[in-house]
Amino acid sequence: MSQTQEELSYQIKDVAEILGWSQSNVRKYMKYMNLQGSRTEGGHRRFSQQDLNDLLEAKRLKEENDYSLKMIQAHFNKELTDEMIEKNESLKSFLEESVEELQEQVEGNTEKIKSMAELFDGFVKHTEKQIKQISENTTQEILSLQQLMRTLPDIKKSEEDQQRLREVEAKIRIQAREEAVELWNQKPESERFMRSGFLGLQKTEKLGERQDFIESYIDKKVLQYVQSDESDESVN
């Protein structure tokens, strides 16, 4: 019955013969590569096929790449040193090409970010202009409505006037909401966001506090308008 590759075992003299090394050299490489092998019941050391494969790889690195024992040890510890890169021209070329590709990607992404920033800046300026125009128009309509109400007799307002008032209040709410959102966004991040996740790198906006802030601001603006309107009526 033949043994599988996993079941094969070798004595140190067999390994030395296959590698063309002395037994002392095999032991030296075993120490640096942390190869323990196994022990028989009689206390004799045996090497598996994988142990032999690792030693063959160490021999290849030594002969083809001129690796030192420390470099071979680093290789099997999945480490990469400057010496190893210098010894391995193909690896060195690969890393240099990878660095160049990364630099090109960074440069490309920098240009994209710059373009996006310019677009965002234009959008912000356009939005600010629209908000300012809406604010001016709404303020003018409120002043016009208040002037109109002062000229009316102190009787129950008509359904048309009530509808007009409701429309103005709706515009006040819209304007106030936009102002509230802008004010909220101007708050420090520590007030608007909570941190979570690994090392607190994930930011989550405090949506509940944001909504309360906006609604409170809107209610205050509407109340100011109502009080201003009532004050004007009492004077007349």
Protein backbone atom coordinates (compact mmCIF):
# COMPACT_ATOMS: atom_id res chain seq x y z
CA MET A 1 0.00 0.00 0.00
CA SER A 2 1.58 3.29 -1.16
CA GLN A 3 1.80 6.29 1.14
CA THR A 4 0.11 9.61 0.26
CA GLN A 5 2.21 12.78 0.09
CA GLU A 6 0.95 13.80 3.55
CA GLU A 7 1.95 10.39 5.00
CA LEU A 8 5.52 10.41 3.65
CA SER A 9 8.23 10.93 6.26
CA TYR A 10 11.97 11.31 5.94
CA GLN A 11 14.94 10.86 8.19
CA ILE A 12 17.42 13.72 8.40
CA LYS A 13 19.95 11.77 6.34
CA ASP A 14 17.33 11.35 3.59
CA VAL A 15 16.60 15.08 3.58
CA ALA A 16 20.32 15.92 3.49
CA GLU A 17 20.82 13.54 0.53
CA ILE A 18 17.90 15.01 -1.43
CA LEU A 19 19.07 18.57 -0.83
CA GLY A 20 22.75 17.80 -1.33
CA TRP A 21 23.52 19.36 2.05
CA SER A 22 25.25 18.16 5.17
CA GLN A 23 23.04 17.13 8.10
CA SER A 24 24.41 20.05 10.13
CA ASN A 25 23.38 22.45 7.36
CA VAL A 26 19.88 20.93 7.33
CA ARG A 27 19.64 21.44 11.10
CA LYS A 28 20.80 25.06 10.73
CA TYR A 29 18.07 25.82 8.17
CA MET A 30 15.50 23.96 10.28
CA LYS A 31 16.32 26.29 13.19
CA TYR A 32 15.97 29.49 11.14
CA MET A 33 12.79 28.25 9.45
CA ASN A 34 11.35 26.96 12.72
CA LEU A 35 10.78 23.47 11.30
CA GLN A 36 10.25 21.02 14.15
CA GLY A 37 9.42 17.88 12.23
CA SER A 38 7.98 15.10 14.37
CA ARG A 39 9.25 12.41 16.70
CA THR A 40 8.73 8.69 16.54
CA GLU A 41 7.92 6.68 19.65
CA GLY A 42 11.63 5.88 19.82
CA GLY A 43 12.49 9.60 19.81
CA HIS A 44 13.82 9.75 16.23
CA ARG A 45 13.06 12.88 14.25
CA ARG A 46 11.06 12.58 11.04
CA PHE A 47 10.27 15.14 8.36
CA SER A 48 7.02 15.41 6.40
CA GLN A 49 6.76 16.07 2.70
CA GLN A 50 5.79 19.67 3.51
CA ASP A 51 8.96 20.07 5.61
CA LEU A 52 10.99 18.82 2.66
CA ASN A 53 9.16 21.16 0.26
CA ASP A 54 9.93 24.13 2.51
CA LEU A 55 13.61 23.21 2.64
CA LEU A 56 13.68 22.82 -1.15
CA GLU A 57 12.16 26.31 -1.45
CA ALA A 58 14.80 27.66 0.94
CA LYS A 59 17.52 26.08 -1.22
CA ARG A 60 16.03 27.68 -4.35
CA LEU A 61 15.95 31.11 -2.69
CA LYS A 62 19.56 30.68 -1.63
CA GLU A 63 20.84 29.52 -5.02
CA GLU A 64 18.69 31.59 -7.40
CA ASN A 65 18.18 34.81 -5.44
CA ASP A 66 21.27 34.68 -3.20
CA TYR A 67 19.08 34.98 -0.07
CA SER A 68 20.79 34.94 3.31
CA LEU A 69 19.46 32.83 6.18
CA LYS A 70 17.80 35.91 7.70
CA MET A 71 16.12 36.73 4.39
CA ILE A 72 14.89 33.14 4.06
CA GLN A 73 13.56 33.35 7.60
CA ALA A 74 11.71 36.59 6.72
CA HIS A 75 10.31 34.94 3.58
CA PHE A 76 8.76 32.10 5.55
CA ASN A 77 7.47 34.57 8.14
CA LYS A 78 5.68 36.35 5.23
CA GLU A 79 7.82 39.45 5.68
CA LEU A 80 9.39 41.63 3.00
CA THR A 81 12.66 43.48 3.55
CA ASP A 82 14.58 45.99 1.42
CA GLU A 83 17.34 43.41 0.97
CA MET A 84 14.86 40.88 -0.42
CA ILE A 85 13.51 43.42 -2.89
CA GLU A 86 17.05 44.28 -4.08
CA LYS A 87 17.87 40.60 -4.54
CA ASN A 88 14.67 39.87 -6.48
CA GLU A 89 14.66 41.98 -9.66
CA SER A 90 11.25 40.78 -10.84
CA LEU A 91 9.70 41.65 -7.47
CA LYS A 92 11.48 44.99 -7.46
CA SER A 93 10.15 45.81 -10.93
CA PHE A 94 6.65 44.75 -9.92
CA LEU A 95 6.70 46.97 -6.83
CA GLU A 96 8.06 49.93 -8.79
CA GLU A 97 5.34 49.52 -11.42
CA SER A 98 2.73 49.22 -8.68
CA VAL A 99 3.96 52.44 -7.06
CA GLU A 100 3.82 54.25 -10.41
CA GLU A 101 0.27 53.00 -11.01
CA LEU A 102 -0.77 54.15 -7.54
CA GLN A 103 0.77 57.56 -8.14
CA GLU A 104 -1.15 57.87 -11.41
CA GLN A 105 -4.36 56.83 -9.68
CA VAL A 106 -3.77 59.39 -6.91
CA GLU A 107 -3.13 62.14 -9.46
CA GLY A 108 -6.27 61.14 -11.37
CA ASN A 109 -8.35 61.06 -8.21
CA THR A 110 -6.95 64.45 -7.17
CA GLU A 111 -8.16 65.96 -10.43
CA LYS A 112 -11.58 64.36 -9.98
CA ILE A 113 -11.84 65.67 -6.42
CA LYS A 114 -10.83 69.14 -7.62
CA SER A 115 -13.52 69.07 -10.33
CA MET A 116 -16.13 67.84 -7.85
CA ALA A 117 -15.15 70.58 -5.41
CA GLU A 118 -15.57 73.22 -8.12
CA LEU A 119 -18.99 71.83 -9.05
CA PHE A 120 -20.04 71.74 -5.41
CA ASP A 121 -18.85 75.30 -4.87
CA GLY A 122 -20.90 76.43 -7.87
CA PHE A 123 -23.95 74.56 -6.57
CA VAL A 124 -23.60 76.17 -3.12
CA LYS A 125 -23.34 79.66 -4.60
CA HIS A 126 -26.36 79.04 -6.84
CA THR A 127 -28.37 77.71 -3.88
CA GLU A 128 -27.41 80.68 -1.70
CA LYS A 129 -28.55 83.03 -4.45
CA GLN A 130 -31.90 81.22 -4.73
CA ILE A 131 -32.42 81.28 -0.96
CA LYS A 132 -31.66 85.00 -0.86
CA GLN A 133 -34.12 85.68 -3.70
CA ILE A 134 -36.85 83.61 -2.02
CA SER A 135 -36.20 85.41 1.27
CA GLU A 136 -36.47 88.83 -0.37
CA ASN A 137 -39.65 87.89 -2.25
CA THR A 138 -41.29 86.39 0.83
CA THR A 139 -40.39 89.40 2.99
CA GLN A 140 -41.89 91.73 0.39
CA GLU A 141 -45.09 89.69 0.24
CA ILE A 142 -45.40 89.72 4.04
CA LEU A 143 -44.95 93.49 4.12
CA SER A 144 -47.51 93.92 1.36
CA LEU A 145 -50.00 91.70 3.16
CA GLN A 146 -49.53 93.53 6.44
CA GLN A 147 -50.08 96.84 4.67
CA LEU A 148 -53.24 95.44 3.13
CA MET A 149 -54.56 94.22 6.50
CA ARG A 150 -54.07 97.68 8.02
CA THR A 151 -56.44 99.20 5.45
CA LEU A 152 -59.23 96.71 6.09
CA PRO A 153 -62.01 97.43 8.64
CA ASP A 154 -61.93 95.54 11.91
CA ILE A 155 -64.36 92.83 10.76
CA LYS A 156 -64.09 89.14 10.17
CA LYS A 157 -61.63 88.57 7.37
CA SER A 158 -63.02 87.06 4.22
CA GLU A 159 -62.26 83.49 3.17
CA GLU A 160 -60.00 84.88 0.46
CA ASP A 161 -57.92 86.78 3.02
CA GLN A 162 -57.70 83.70 5.23
CA GLN A 163 -56.43 81.70 2.27
CA ARG A 164 -53.87 84.38 1.53
CA LEU A 165 -52.70 84.29 5.13
CA ARG A 166 -52.35 80.53 4.98
CA GLU A 167 -50.28 80.83 1.80
CA VAL A 168 -48.01 83.42 3.39
CA GLU A 169 -47.60 81.25 6.49
CA ALA A 170 -46.68 78.32 4.25
CA LYS A 171 -44.02 80.45 2.55
CA ILE A 172 -42.72 81.56 5.95
CA ARG A 173 -42.41 77.92 6.96
CA ILE A 174 -40.53 77.06 3.75
CA GLN A 175 -38.15 79.99 4.19
CA ALA A 176 -37.67 79.21 7.87
CA ARG A 177 -36.93 75.54 7.11
CA GLU A 178 -34.22 76.51 4.61
CA GLU A 179 -32.72 78.96 7.10
CA ALA A 180 -32.85 76.34 9.87
CA VAL A 181 -31.09 73.73 7.71
CA GLU A 182 -28.38 76.23 6.85
CA LEU A 183 -27.94 77.19 10.52
CA TRP A 184 -27.80 73.51 11.53
CA ASN A 185 -25.11 72.80 8.95
CA GLN A 186 -23.05 75.72 10.32
CA LYS A 187 -22.93 74.12 13.77
CA PRO A 188 -19.68 72.36 14.78
CA GLU A 189 -19.50 68.69 13.77
CA SER A 190 -19.28 67.72 17.44
CA GLU A 191 -22.83 69.06 17.91
CA ARG A 192 -24.27 67.59 14.72
CA PHE A 193 -22.66 64.15 14.64
CA MET A 194 -22.01 61.27 16.99
CA ARG A 195 -19.08 58.95 16.49
CA SER A 196 -19.16 55.17 16.54
CA GLY A 197 -17.38 52.15 15.08
CA PHE A 198 -13.68 51.28 15.27
CA LEU A 199 -11.71 54.17 16.81
CA GLY A 200 -14.80 56.35 16.41
CA LEU A 201 -14.18 56.80 12.68
CA GLN A 202 -17.81 56.39 11.67
CA LYS A 203 -19.90 59.58 11.90
CA THR A 204 -23.69 59.50 12.22
CA GLU A 205 -25.76 62.65 12.09
CA LYS A 206 -28.03 63.30 15.07
CA LEU A 207 -31.22 63.22 13.02
CA GLY A 208 -33.55 63.54 16.02
CA GLU A 209 -31.80 66.67 17.31
CA ARG A 210 -31.64 68.04 13.76
CA GLN A 211 -35.42 67.65 13.31
CA ASP A 212 -36.15 69.23 16.71
CA PHE A 213 -33.86 72.18 15.88
CA ILE A 214 -35.56 72.78 12.52
CA GLU A 215 -39.12 72.48 13.85
CA SER A 216 -38.34 74.78 16.81
CA TYR A 217 -36.85 77.39 14.48
CA ILE A 218 -39.90 77.25 12.16
CA ASP A 219 -42.35 77.59 15.07
CA LYS A 220 -40.39 80.60 16.38
CA LYS A 221 -40.50 82.32 12.98
CA VAL A 222 -44.25 81.72 12.57
CA LEU A 223 -44.89 82.99 16.11
CA GLN A 224 -42.86 86.13 15.41
CA TYR A 225 -44.94 86.77 12.31
CA VAL A 226 -48.24 86.23 14.14
CA GLN A 227 -47.20 88.49 17.03
CA SER A 228 -46.03 91.16 14.60
CA ASP A 229 -49.31 90.97 12.72
CA GLU A 230 -51.39 91.13 15.93
CA SER A 231 -49.32 94.09 17.18
CA ASP A 232 -49.95 95.98 13.96
CA GLU A 233 -53.68 95.31 14.20
CA SER A 234 -53.88 96.53 17.83
CA VAL A 235 -52.18 99.78 16.89
CA ASN A 236 -54.69 100.36 14.11
